[in-house]
N, C-alpha and C. Protein backbone atom coordinates (compact mmCIF):
# COMPACT_ATOMS: atom_id res chain seq x y z
N UNK A 1 44.48 77.39 154.05
CA UNK A 1 44.08 78.74 153.63
C UNK A 1 44.42 79.74 154.73
N UNK A 2 45.10 80.80 154.37
CA UNK A 2 45.47 81.83 155.33
C UNK A 2 44.24 82.61 155.78
N UNK A 3 44.13 82.84 157.06
CA UNK A 3 43.04 83.62 157.62
C UNK A 3 43.58 84.94 158.14
N UNK A 4 43.04 86.03 157.66
CA UNK A 4 43.43 87.36 158.12
C UNK A 4 42.55 87.76 159.28
N UNK A 5 43.12 88.55 160.17
CA UNK A 5 42.39 88.98 161.36
C UNK A 5 42.45 90.49 161.46
N UNK A 6 41.29 91.09 161.70
CA UNK A 6 41.20 92.52 162.00
C UNK A 6 40.45 92.60 163.32
N UNK A 7 41.19 92.76 164.40
CA UNK A 7 40.58 92.70 165.71
C UNK A 7 40.03 91.31 165.96
N UNK A 8 38.76 91.23 166.30
CA UNK A 8 38.12 89.94 166.53
C UNK A 8 37.47 89.36 165.29
N UNK A 9 37.48 90.08 164.20
CA UNK A 9 36.87 89.63 162.95
C UNK A 9 37.90 88.93 162.08
N UNK A 10 37.48 87.89 161.38
CA UNK A 10 38.39 87.13 160.54
C UNK A 10 37.80 86.92 159.14
N UNK A 11 38.70 86.66 158.20
CA UNK A 11 38.29 86.41 156.82
C UNK A 11 39.39 85.63 156.13
N UNK A 12 39.03 84.68 155.29
CA UNK A 12 40.06 83.95 154.57
C UNK A 12 40.65 84.86 153.49
N UNK A 13 41.90 84.62 153.17
CA UNK A 13 42.64 85.52 152.29
C UNK A 13 42.00 85.64 150.91
N UNK A 14 41.50 84.54 150.38
CA UNK A 14 40.88 84.59 149.06
C UNK A 14 39.67 85.52 149.05
N UNK A 15 38.85 85.44 150.10
CA UNK A 15 37.68 86.32 150.19
C UNK A 15 38.11 87.77 150.38
N UNK A 16 39.18 87.98 151.15
CA UNK A 16 39.68 89.34 151.36
C UNK A 16 40.15 89.95 150.04
N UNK A 17 40.82 89.15 149.22
CA UNK A 17 41.25 89.64 147.91
C UNK A 17 40.05 90.04 147.06
N UNK A 18 39.00 89.24 147.09
CA UNK A 18 37.81 89.53 146.30
C UNK A 18 37.14 90.83 146.77
N UNK A 19 37.04 91.02 148.09
CA UNK A 19 36.43 92.24 148.61
C UNK A 19 37.28 93.45 148.29
N UNK A 20 38.59 93.29 148.38
CA UNK A 20 39.47 94.41 148.06
C UNK A 20 39.37 94.78 146.58
N UNK A 21 39.28 93.78 145.74
CA UNK A 21 39.15 94.05 144.30
C UNK A 21 37.86 94.81 144.01
N UNK A 22 36.79 94.42 144.67
CA UNK A 22 35.52 95.12 144.46
C UNK A 22 35.64 96.57 144.89
N UNK A 23 36.30 96.81 146.01
CA UNK A 23 36.46 98.17 146.55
C UNK A 23 37.41 99.00 145.69
N UNK A 24 38.52 98.40 145.29
CA UNK A 24 39.60 99.16 144.64
C UNK A 24 39.49 99.23 143.12
N UNK A 25 38.83 98.26 142.52
CA UNK A 25 38.83 98.18 141.05
C UNK A 25 37.42 98.24 140.46
N UNK A 26 36.50 97.50 141.04
CA UNK A 26 35.21 97.30 140.39
C UNK A 26 34.16 98.36 140.68
N UNK A 27 34.39 99.21 141.68
CA UNK A 27 33.35 100.16 142.09
C UNK A 27 33.84 101.60 142.16
N UNK A 28 34.45 102.10 141.09
CA UNK A 28 35.02 103.45 141.16
C UNK A 28 33.99 104.55 141.33
N UNK A 29 32.75 104.30 140.95
CA UNK A 29 31.74 105.35 141.04
C UNK A 29 31.14 105.45 142.43
N UNK A 30 31.25 104.41 143.24
CA UNK A 30 30.67 104.42 144.58
C UNK A 30 31.70 104.25 145.69
N UNK A 31 32.85 103.72 145.37
CA UNK A 31 33.88 103.49 146.38
C UNK A 31 34.64 104.78 146.70
N UNK A 32 35.20 104.84 147.90
CA UNK A 32 36.03 105.99 148.28
C UNK A 32 37.38 105.96 147.58
N UNK A 33 37.72 104.82 147.00
CA UNK A 33 38.93 104.73 146.19
C UNK A 33 38.55 104.85 144.72
N UNK A 34 39.22 105.66 143.91
CA UNK A 34 40.44 106.41 144.22
C UNK A 34 40.21 107.84 144.72
N UNK A 35 38.95 108.21 144.97
CA UNK A 35 38.66 109.61 145.30
C UNK A 35 39.45 110.08 146.52
N UNK A 36 39.34 109.35 147.63
CA UNK A 36 40.04 109.75 148.86
C UNK A 36 41.55 109.61 148.71
N UNK A 37 41.99 108.46 148.24
CA UNK A 37 43.42 108.18 148.18
C UNK A 37 44.13 109.03 147.12
N UNK A 38 43.40 109.44 146.09
CA UNK A 38 44.01 110.22 145.03
C UNK A 38 43.77 111.71 145.13
N UNK A 39 43.01 112.14 146.13
CA UNK A 39 42.76 113.57 146.30
C UNK A 39 44.10 114.30 146.46
N UNK A 40 44.37 115.33 145.68
CA UNK A 40 45.70 115.93 145.69
C UNK A 40 46.10 116.59 146.99
N UNK A 41 45.20 117.29 147.64
CA UNK A 41 45.57 117.94 148.88
C UNK A 41 46.78 118.84 148.73
N UNK A 42 47.57 118.95 149.81
CA UNK A 42 48.77 119.76 149.77
C UNK A 42 49.99 118.86 149.56
N UNK A 43 51.09 119.44 149.14
CA UNK A 43 52.30 118.67 148.92
C UNK A 43 53.33 118.91 150.02
N UNK A 44 52.85 119.27 151.21
CA UNK A 44 53.72 119.53 152.34
C UNK A 44 53.53 118.43 153.39
N UNK A 45 54.53 118.20 154.25
CA UNK A 45 54.37 117.20 155.31
C UNK A 45 53.39 117.64 156.39
N UNK A 46 53.11 118.94 156.44
CA UNK A 46 52.13 119.44 157.40
C UNK A 46 50.73 119.37 156.79
N UNK A 47 49.73 119.41 157.65
CA UNK A 47 48.35 119.44 157.19
C UNK A 47 47.98 120.87 156.83
N UNK A 48 47.47 121.06 155.63
CA UNK A 48 47.02 122.36 155.15
C UNK A 48 45.50 122.35 155.01
N UNK A 49 44.94 123.53 154.78
CA UNK A 49 43.48 123.63 154.72
C UNK A 49 42.88 122.72 153.67
N UNK A 50 43.52 122.62 152.51
CA UNK A 50 42.95 121.78 151.45
C UNK A 50 42.93 120.30 151.82
N UNK A 51 43.80 119.88 152.73
CA UNK A 51 43.81 118.48 153.16
C UNK A 51 42.55 118.12 153.94
N UNK A 52 41.94 119.10 154.56
CA UNK A 52 40.77 118.84 155.40
C UNK A 52 39.57 118.37 154.59
N UNK A 53 39.54 118.71 153.32
CA UNK A 53 38.38 118.36 152.49
C UNK A 53 38.37 116.88 152.11
N UNK A 54 39.48 116.18 152.33
CA UNK A 54 39.54 114.76 151.95
C UNK A 54 38.52 113.93 152.69
N UNK A 55 38.12 114.36 153.88
CA UNK A 55 37.21 113.53 154.69
C UNK A 55 35.86 113.32 154.02
N UNK A 56 35.41 114.30 153.23
CA UNK A 56 34.09 114.14 152.61
C UNK A 56 34.10 113.02 151.59
N UNK A 57 35.29 112.65 151.08
CA UNK A 57 35.40 111.60 150.08
C UNK A 57 35.28 110.21 150.70
N UNK A 58 35.24 110.16 152.03
CA UNK A 58 34.99 108.90 152.75
C UNK A 58 33.63 108.93 153.43
N UNK A 59 32.82 109.93 153.10
CA UNK A 59 31.48 110.06 153.70
C UNK A 59 31.54 110.04 155.23
N UNK A 60 32.53 110.74 155.78
CA UNK A 60 32.75 110.68 157.21
C UNK A 60 31.67 111.40 158.01
N UNK A 61 31.18 112.54 157.51
CA UNK A 61 30.30 113.35 158.35
C UNK A 61 29.14 113.92 157.57
N UNK A 62 28.01 114.06 158.27
CA UNK A 62 26.87 114.75 157.69
C UNK A 62 26.91 116.25 158.00
N UNK A 63 27.97 116.67 158.66
CA UNK A 63 28.13 118.08 159.03
C UNK A 63 29.46 118.60 158.52
N UNK A 64 29.66 118.63 157.20
CA UNK A 64 30.99 118.94 156.66
C UNK A 64 31.51 120.32 157.03
N UNK A 65 30.66 121.32 157.09
CA UNK A 65 31.14 122.66 157.39
C UNK A 65 31.62 122.77 158.84
N UNK A 66 30.81 122.34 159.84
CA UNK A 66 31.32 122.38 161.22
C UNK A 66 32.56 121.51 161.42
N UNK A 67 32.63 120.37 160.74
CA UNK A 67 33.82 119.52 160.86
C UNK A 67 35.03 120.24 160.28
N UNK A 68 34.86 120.84 159.12
CA UNK A 68 35.96 121.59 158.51
C UNK A 68 36.43 122.71 159.43
N UNK A 69 35.49 123.46 159.98
CA UNK A 69 35.86 124.56 160.87
C UNK A 69 36.56 124.05 162.12
N UNK A 70 36.08 122.92 162.65
CA UNK A 70 36.71 122.35 163.83
C UNK A 70 38.13 121.89 163.55
N UNK A 71 38.32 121.22 162.43
CA UNK A 71 39.65 120.78 162.05
C UNK A 71 40.58 121.96 161.79
N UNK A 72 40.04 122.98 161.17
CA UNK A 72 40.85 124.17 160.89
C UNK A 72 41.35 124.80 162.20
N UNK A 73 40.50 124.80 163.23
CA UNK A 73 40.89 125.36 164.52
C UNK A 73 42.01 124.54 165.17
N UNK A 74 42.06 123.24 164.84
CA UNK A 74 43.06 122.36 165.42
C UNK A 74 44.39 122.36 164.66
N UNK A 75 44.41 122.96 163.47
CA UNK A 75 45.58 122.85 162.60
C UNK A 75 46.90 123.23 163.27
N UNK A 76 46.99 124.36 163.95
CA UNK A 76 48.30 124.71 164.55
C UNK A 76 48.82 123.64 165.50
N UNK A 77 47.94 123.11 166.34
CA UNK A 77 48.38 122.10 167.30
C UNK A 77 48.65 120.77 166.62
N UNK A 78 47.84 120.41 165.62
CA UNK A 78 48.09 119.18 164.87
C UNK A 78 49.47 119.22 164.24
N UNK A 79 49.79 120.31 163.57
CA UNK A 79 51.07 120.41 162.88
C UNK A 79 52.24 120.49 163.85
N UNK A 80 52.00 121.05 164.99
CA UNK A 80 53.05 121.06 166.02
C UNK A 80 53.35 119.62 166.47
N UNK A 81 52.30 118.85 166.68
CA UNK A 81 52.47 117.46 167.12
C UNK A 81 53.09 116.60 166.02
N UNK A 82 52.77 116.89 164.76
CA UNK A 82 53.32 116.11 163.65
C UNK A 82 54.84 116.24 163.54
N UNK A 83 55.40 117.25 164.16
CA UNK A 83 56.85 117.43 164.12
C UNK A 83 57.58 116.54 165.13
N UNK A 84 56.85 115.80 165.93
CA UNK A 84 57.45 114.87 166.87
C UNK A 84 58.35 113.90 166.10
N UNK A 85 59.64 113.83 166.42
CA UNK A 85 60.55 112.96 165.67
C UNK A 85 60.21 111.47 165.78
N UNK A 86 59.40 111.10 166.77
CA UNK A 86 59.03 109.68 166.90
C UNK A 86 58.05 109.24 165.82
N UNK A 87 57.40 110.21 165.15
CA UNK A 87 56.38 109.87 164.16
C UNK A 87 57.03 109.65 162.79
N UNK A 88 57.73 108.54 162.69
CA UNK A 88 58.39 108.19 161.45
C UNK A 88 58.28 106.68 161.23
N UNK A 89 58.63 106.24 160.04
CA UNK A 89 58.60 104.82 159.75
C UNK A 89 57.21 104.29 159.50
N UNK A 90 57.03 103.00 159.73
CA UNK A 90 55.74 102.35 159.47
C UNK A 90 55.19 101.75 160.75
N UNK A 91 53.88 101.54 160.75
CA UNK A 91 53.21 101.08 161.96
C UNK A 91 53.60 99.65 162.33
N UNK A 92 53.83 98.80 161.34
CA UNK A 92 54.13 97.40 161.62
C UNK A 92 55.38 97.25 162.48
N UNK A 93 56.38 98.10 162.27
CA UNK A 93 57.65 97.97 162.99
C UNK A 93 57.84 99.08 164.02
N UNK A 94 56.79 99.84 164.30
CA UNK A 94 56.90 100.96 165.23
C UNK A 94 57.21 100.46 166.64
N UNK A 95 58.12 101.18 167.32
CA UNK A 95 58.44 100.86 168.70
C UNK A 95 57.52 101.59 169.66
N UNK A 96 57.69 101.35 170.95
CA UNK A 96 56.84 101.99 171.96
C UNK A 96 56.84 103.51 171.88
N UNK A 97 57.98 104.11 171.55
CA UNK A 97 58.04 105.56 171.48
C UNK A 97 57.15 106.10 170.36
N UNK A 98 57.13 105.41 169.24
CA UNK A 98 56.29 105.84 168.13
C UNK A 98 54.81 105.64 168.45
N UNK A 99 54.47 104.53 169.08
CA UNK A 99 53.08 104.31 169.51
C UNK A 99 52.64 105.42 170.44
N UNK A 100 53.49 105.80 171.38
CA UNK A 100 53.16 106.90 172.29
C UNK A 100 53.03 108.21 171.53
N UNK A 101 53.85 108.39 170.50
CA UNK A 101 53.74 109.59 169.67
C UNK A 101 52.39 109.67 168.97
N UNK A 102 51.89 108.53 168.52
CA UNK A 102 50.57 108.49 167.89
C UNK A 102 49.47 108.77 168.90
N UNK A 103 49.59 108.19 170.08
CA UNK A 103 48.61 108.44 171.14
C UNK A 103 48.59 109.93 171.46
N UNK A 104 49.76 110.53 171.55
CA UNK A 104 49.86 111.97 171.84
C UNK A 104 49.28 112.80 170.70
N UNK A 105 49.51 112.37 169.47
CA UNK A 105 48.97 113.08 168.31
C UNK A 105 47.45 113.09 168.34
N UNK A 106 46.86 111.93 168.57
CA UNK A 106 45.41 111.85 168.65
C UNK A 106 44.86 112.59 169.87
N UNK A 107 45.70 112.80 170.86
CA UNK A 107 45.28 113.48 172.07
C UNK A 107 44.90 114.93 171.88
N UNK A 108 45.19 115.48 170.71
CA UNK A 108 44.76 116.84 170.41
C UNK A 108 43.25 116.98 170.55
N UNK A 109 42.54 115.88 170.39
CA UNK A 109 41.08 115.90 170.48
C UNK A 109 40.60 116.24 171.89
N UNK A 110 41.39 115.87 172.90
CA UNK A 110 41.03 116.21 174.27
C UNK A 110 41.66 117.53 174.71
N UNK A 111 42.81 117.85 174.17
CA UNK A 111 43.48 119.11 174.52
C UNK A 111 42.67 120.31 174.06
N UNK A 112 42.08 120.17 172.87
CA UNK A 112 41.33 121.28 172.29
C UNK A 112 40.05 120.73 171.68
N UNK A 113 39.13 120.26 172.51
CA UNK A 113 37.94 119.58 172.00
C UNK A 113 37.04 120.48 171.18
N UNK A 114 36.51 119.91 170.11
CA UNK A 114 35.51 120.59 169.29
C UNK A 114 34.32 119.65 169.14
N UNK A 115 33.17 120.21 168.92
CA UNK A 115 31.93 119.43 168.94
C UNK A 115 31.89 118.36 167.85
N UNK A 116 32.40 118.65 166.68
CA UNK A 116 32.18 117.77 165.53
C UNK A 116 33.41 116.95 165.12
N UNK A 117 34.56 117.21 165.70
CA UNK A 117 35.77 116.50 165.30
C UNK A 117 36.03 115.36 166.27
N UNK A 118 36.06 114.14 165.73
CA UNK A 118 36.34 112.96 166.52
C UNK A 118 37.50 112.21 165.89
N UNK A 119 37.87 111.08 166.48
CA UNK A 119 39.00 110.31 165.97
C UNK A 119 38.77 109.88 164.52
N UNK A 120 37.53 109.58 164.17
CA UNK A 120 37.22 109.18 162.79
C UNK A 120 37.65 110.25 161.80
N UNK A 121 37.27 111.49 162.04
CA UNK A 121 37.62 112.55 161.09
C UNK A 121 39.10 112.86 161.14
N UNK A 122 39.64 112.96 162.34
CA UNK A 122 41.06 113.32 162.46
C UNK A 122 41.96 112.27 161.82
N UNK A 123 41.68 110.99 162.06
CA UNK A 123 42.54 109.94 161.53
C UNK A 123 42.53 109.92 160.01
N UNK A 124 41.41 110.27 159.41
CA UNK A 124 41.32 110.23 157.96
C UNK A 124 42.04 111.41 157.30
N UNK A 125 42.19 112.49 158.03
CA UNK A 125 43.04 113.58 157.55
C UNK A 125 44.51 113.21 157.71
N UNK A 126 44.86 112.68 158.88
CA UNK A 126 46.26 112.41 159.19
C UNK A 126 46.83 111.23 158.41
N UNK A 127 46.00 110.23 158.10
CA UNK A 127 46.51 109.06 157.38
C UNK A 127 47.19 109.46 156.07
N UNK A 128 46.63 110.41 155.38
CA UNK A 128 47.18 110.79 154.08
C UNK A 128 48.55 111.46 154.21
N UNK A 129 48.88 111.97 155.39
CA UNK A 129 50.19 112.59 155.61
C UNK A 129 51.25 111.59 156.03
N UNK A 130 50.83 110.50 156.67
CA UNK A 130 51.75 109.43 157.08
C UNK A 130 51.07 108.10 156.77
N UNK A 131 50.89 107.77 155.48
CA UNK A 131 50.07 106.61 155.13
C UNK A 131 50.64 105.26 155.56
N UNK A 132 51.94 105.17 155.79
CA UNK A 132 52.53 103.92 156.27
C UNK A 132 52.37 103.77 157.78
N UNK A 133 52.09 104.88 158.46
CA UNK A 133 52.14 104.88 159.91
C UNK A 133 50.80 105.10 160.60
N UNK A 134 50.03 106.08 160.15
CA UNK A 134 48.82 106.48 160.88
C UNK A 134 47.61 105.72 160.35
N UNK A 135 46.97 104.91 161.20
CA UNK A 135 45.82 104.13 160.76
C UNK A 135 44.54 104.96 160.75
N UNK A 136 43.55 104.43 160.06
CA UNK A 136 42.24 105.06 160.00
C UNK A 136 41.31 104.42 161.03
N UNK A 137 40.37 105.21 161.50
CA UNK A 137 39.43 104.73 162.51
C UNK A 137 38.02 105.14 162.12
N UNK A 138 37.07 104.26 162.35
CA UNK A 138 35.65 104.59 162.16
C UNK A 138 34.82 103.58 162.94
N UNK A 139 33.52 103.64 162.80
CA UNK A 139 32.64 102.74 163.55
C UNK A 139 32.88 101.27 163.21
N UNK A 140 33.20 100.99 161.94
CA UNK A 140 33.43 99.60 161.54
C UNK A 140 34.71 99.05 162.15
N UNK A 141 35.75 99.86 162.18
CA UNK A 141 36.99 99.44 162.81
C UNK A 141 36.78 99.28 164.32
N UNK A 142 36.04 100.20 164.90
CA UNK A 142 35.72 100.09 166.33
C UNK A 142 35.00 98.79 166.62
N UNK A 143 34.06 98.42 165.76
CA UNK A 143 33.35 97.16 165.94
C UNK A 143 34.32 95.98 165.93
N UNK A 144 35.22 95.96 164.97
CA UNK A 144 36.17 94.84 164.85
C UNK A 144 37.07 94.73 166.08
N UNK A 145 37.50 95.86 166.62
CA UNK A 145 38.47 95.83 167.71
C UNK A 145 37.85 95.87 169.10
N UNK A 146 36.58 96.24 169.18
CA UNK A 146 36.01 96.45 170.51
C UNK A 146 34.68 95.74 170.74
N UNK A 147 33.83 95.62 169.73
CA UNK A 147 32.46 95.16 169.96
C UNK A 147 32.18 93.73 169.52
N UNK A 148 32.89 93.24 168.52
CA UNK A 148 32.54 91.91 168.01
C UNK A 148 33.08 90.82 168.94
N UNK A 149 32.60 89.61 168.76
CA UNK A 149 33.06 88.49 169.58
C UNK A 149 34.56 88.30 169.41
N UNK A 150 35.25 88.18 170.54
CA UNK A 150 36.69 87.97 170.49
C UNK A 150 37.50 89.23 170.25
N UNK A 151 36.87 90.39 170.32
CA UNK A 151 37.58 91.66 170.08
C UNK A 151 38.69 91.83 171.11
N UNK A 152 39.89 92.25 170.68
CA UNK A 152 41.03 92.33 171.59
C UNK A 152 41.05 93.54 172.50
N UNK A 153 40.21 94.54 172.20
CA UNK A 153 40.21 95.77 173.01
C UNK A 153 38.78 96.06 173.47
N UNK A 154 38.23 95.19 174.30
CA UNK A 154 36.85 95.41 174.78
C UNK A 154 36.76 96.66 175.63
N UNK A 155 35.57 97.16 175.77
CA UNK A 155 35.36 98.35 176.59
C UNK A 155 35.74 98.07 178.04
N UNK A 156 36.37 99.04 178.66
CA UNK A 156 36.76 98.93 180.07
C UNK A 156 36.31 100.18 180.80
N UNK A 157 35.56 100.00 181.86
CA UNK A 157 35.09 101.14 182.66
C UNK A 157 36.30 101.87 183.24
N UNK A 158 36.31 103.18 183.07
CA UNK A 158 37.36 103.99 183.65
C UNK A 158 38.61 104.16 182.81
N UNK A 159 38.70 103.45 181.68
CA UNK A 159 39.88 103.61 180.85
C UNK A 159 39.82 104.93 180.09
N UNK A 160 40.92 105.64 180.05
CA UNK A 160 40.98 106.92 179.36
C UNK A 160 40.95 106.71 177.85
N UNK A 161 40.67 107.78 177.13
CA UNK A 161 40.72 107.70 175.67
C UNK A 161 42.13 107.37 175.20
N UNK A 162 43.12 107.95 175.86
CA UNK A 162 44.50 107.64 175.51
C UNK A 162 44.79 106.17 175.74
N UNK A 163 44.28 105.62 176.84
CA UNK A 163 44.48 104.21 177.13
C UNK A 163 43.83 103.32 176.09
N UNK A 164 42.64 103.70 175.64
CA UNK A 164 41.98 102.92 174.59
C UNK A 164 42.79 102.97 173.30
N UNK A 165 43.22 104.15 172.93
CA UNK A 165 43.95 104.29 171.66
C UNK A 165 45.26 103.53 171.70
N UNK A 166 45.92 103.53 172.84
CA UNK A 166 47.17 102.80 172.98
C UNK A 166 46.93 101.30 172.78
N UNK A 167 45.88 100.77 173.39
CA UNK A 167 45.55 99.35 173.25
C UNK A 167 45.13 99.03 171.82
N UNK A 168 44.35 99.91 171.22
CA UNK A 168 43.90 99.70 169.84
C UNK A 168 45.08 99.70 168.87
N UNK A 169 45.96 100.68 169.01
CA UNK A 169 47.13 100.75 168.12
C UNK A 169 47.99 99.51 168.25
N UNK A 170 48.17 99.02 169.45
CA UNK A 170 48.98 97.82 169.66
C UNK A 170 48.33 96.60 169.03
N UNK A 171 47.00 96.48 169.17
CA UNK A 171 46.30 95.35 168.57
C UNK A 171 46.32 95.43 167.05
N UNK A 172 46.14 96.62 166.51
CA UNK A 172 46.16 96.79 165.06
C UNK A 172 47.56 96.49 164.53
N UNK A 173 48.58 96.95 165.24
CA UNK A 173 49.95 96.67 164.83
C UNK A 173 50.20 95.17 164.76
N UNK A 174 49.70 94.43 165.74
CA UNK A 174 49.88 92.98 165.76
C UNK A 174 49.20 92.34 164.55
N UNK A 175 48.00 92.79 164.20
CA UNK A 175 47.30 92.25 163.04
C UNK A 175 48.04 92.57 161.74
N UNK A 176 48.59 93.76 161.68
CA UNK A 176 49.32 94.18 160.49
C UNK A 176 50.58 93.33 160.31
N UNK A 177 51.29 93.14 161.40
CA UNK A 177 52.56 92.42 161.35
C UNK A 177 52.36 90.93 161.11
N UNK A 178 51.28 90.37 161.64
CA UNK A 178 51.05 88.93 161.54
C UNK A 178 50.94 88.45 160.10
N UNK A 179 50.37 89.29 159.23
CA UNK A 179 50.18 88.88 157.83
C UNK A 179 50.59 90.00 156.89
N UNK A 180 51.75 90.57 157.13
CA UNK A 180 52.20 91.69 156.30
C UNK A 180 52.26 91.33 154.82
N UNK A 181 52.69 90.13 154.50
CA UNK A 181 52.77 89.74 153.09
C UNK A 181 51.40 89.82 152.43
N UNK A 182 50.38 89.38 153.12
CA UNK A 182 49.03 89.40 152.56
C UNK A 182 48.49 90.84 152.45
N UNK A 183 48.76 91.66 153.46
CA UNK A 183 48.32 93.05 153.38
C UNK A 183 49.02 93.77 152.22
N UNK A 184 50.29 93.45 152.01
CA UNK A 184 51.01 94.04 150.88
C UNK A 184 50.40 93.59 149.55
N UNK A 185 50.03 92.33 149.48
CA UNK A 185 49.43 91.81 148.24
C UNK A 185 48.08 92.49 147.97
N UNK A 186 47.30 92.70 149.01
CA UNK A 186 46.03 93.40 148.86
C UNK A 186 46.27 94.83 148.39
N UNK A 187 47.26 95.49 148.97
CA UNK A 187 47.57 96.87 148.59
C UNK A 187 47.96 96.97 147.12
N UNK A 188 48.60 95.94 146.59
CA UNK A 188 49.03 95.96 145.19
C UNK A 188 47.87 95.87 144.21
N UNK A 189 46.68 95.51 144.69
CA UNK A 189 45.51 95.47 143.81
C UNK A 189 45.16 96.88 143.31
N UNK A 190 45.43 97.88 144.13
CA UNK A 190 45.07 99.25 143.78
C UNK A 190 45.73 99.65 142.47
N UNK A 191 44.96 100.00 141.44
CA UNK A 191 45.54 100.31 140.14
C UNK A 191 46.26 101.65 140.11
N UNK A 192 46.02 102.47 141.05
CA UNK A 192 46.62 103.81 141.11
C UNK A 192 45.57 104.80 141.54
N UNK A 193 45.85 105.61 142.54
CA UNK A 193 47.10 105.74 143.29
C UNK A 193 47.38 104.54 144.19
N UNK A 194 48.66 104.42 144.58
CA UNK A 194 49.05 103.33 145.45
C UNK A 194 48.47 103.51 146.85
N UNK A 195 48.27 102.39 147.53
CA UNK A 195 47.87 102.43 148.93
C UNK A 195 48.87 101.62 149.74
N UNK A 196 48.83 101.75 151.03
CA UNK A 196 49.75 101.06 151.92
C UNK A 196 49.07 99.85 152.58
N UNK A 197 49.86 98.97 153.20
CA UNK A 197 49.25 97.88 153.96
C UNK A 197 48.31 98.37 155.06
N UNK A 198 48.61 99.52 155.65
CA UNK A 198 47.73 100.10 156.68
C UNK A 198 46.35 100.38 156.09
N UNK A 199 46.33 100.94 154.91
CA UNK A 199 45.06 101.24 154.24
C UNK A 199 44.37 99.94 153.80
N UNK A 200 45.16 98.96 153.37
CA UNK A 200 44.58 97.68 152.97
C UNK A 200 43.86 97.03 154.15
N UNK A 201 44.48 97.06 155.32
CA UNK A 201 43.83 96.52 156.51
C UNK A 201 42.56 97.28 156.84
N UNK A 202 42.60 98.59 156.66
CA UNK A 202 41.41 99.41 156.93
C UNK A 202 40.26 99.03 155.99
N UNK A 203 40.57 98.81 154.74
CA UNK A 203 39.52 98.45 153.77
C UNK A 203 38.85 97.13 154.16
N UNK A 204 39.65 96.14 154.52
CA UNK A 204 39.09 94.85 154.92
C UNK A 204 38.35 94.98 156.24
N UNK A 205 38.91 95.75 157.17
CA UNK A 205 38.23 95.98 158.44
C UNK A 205 36.90 96.66 158.25
N UNK A 206 36.86 97.62 157.33
CA UNK A 206 35.61 98.33 157.04
C UNK A 206 34.57 97.35 156.51
N UNK A 207 35.01 96.45 155.65
CA UNK A 207 34.10 95.45 155.09
C UNK A 207 33.60 94.51 156.20
N UNK A 208 34.51 94.07 157.05
CA UNK A 208 34.15 93.12 158.10
C UNK A 208 33.30 93.76 159.20
N UNK A 209 33.43 95.07 159.34
CA UNK A 209 32.69 95.76 160.38
C UNK A 209 31.29 96.16 160.00
N UNK A 210 30.87 95.87 158.77
CA UNK A 210 29.51 96.20 158.36
C UNK A 210 28.52 95.34 159.15
N UNK A 211 27.50 96.00 159.67
CA UNK A 211 26.45 95.28 160.39
C UNK A 211 25.11 95.56 159.73
N UNK A 212 24.15 94.62 159.84
CA UNK A 212 22.82 94.86 159.27
C UNK A 212 22.18 96.09 159.88
């Protein structure tokens, strides 16, 4: 039986398929799918104001107005960074230059810090613009990659946020590449709109990162 890995958390493929089916097919009234993935947003490669509202469909924040305002203030710099030519292709086959481009993109949080905007909110806005490339981040994903037993990116005193993100992206890329066929199969469960293997890994990671 194939075992999938999301950071230090593992699950057999059959169980992962069952959890994905529950998320993508069986729970449309409570799941973020298809609400988040199907939210129309803008039809431009840049992030527009209407794209910022997608975060509420993932229950990201209890402070939606301050988060929206914070993201809106970041828009010019976000869109400037999105024009980086290294930000192309998919995460599984991304080279070092693209990984650095992602680290730099997320670095807008330190360049222009706002009280309510964190990597969780920013990543969920950006994923929809580059769904094959930009991964999602939240407390459950953090648990899988940093806090659970065997996590590949444990906390390190003195490491910068950029250093953490670089290590996390590399570890996530390895997990994605190791079982790409299975992540693709999970993604195909989505009845519409389509999702990517990056999103499929996020869904399973979110499930595995749940704690009592």
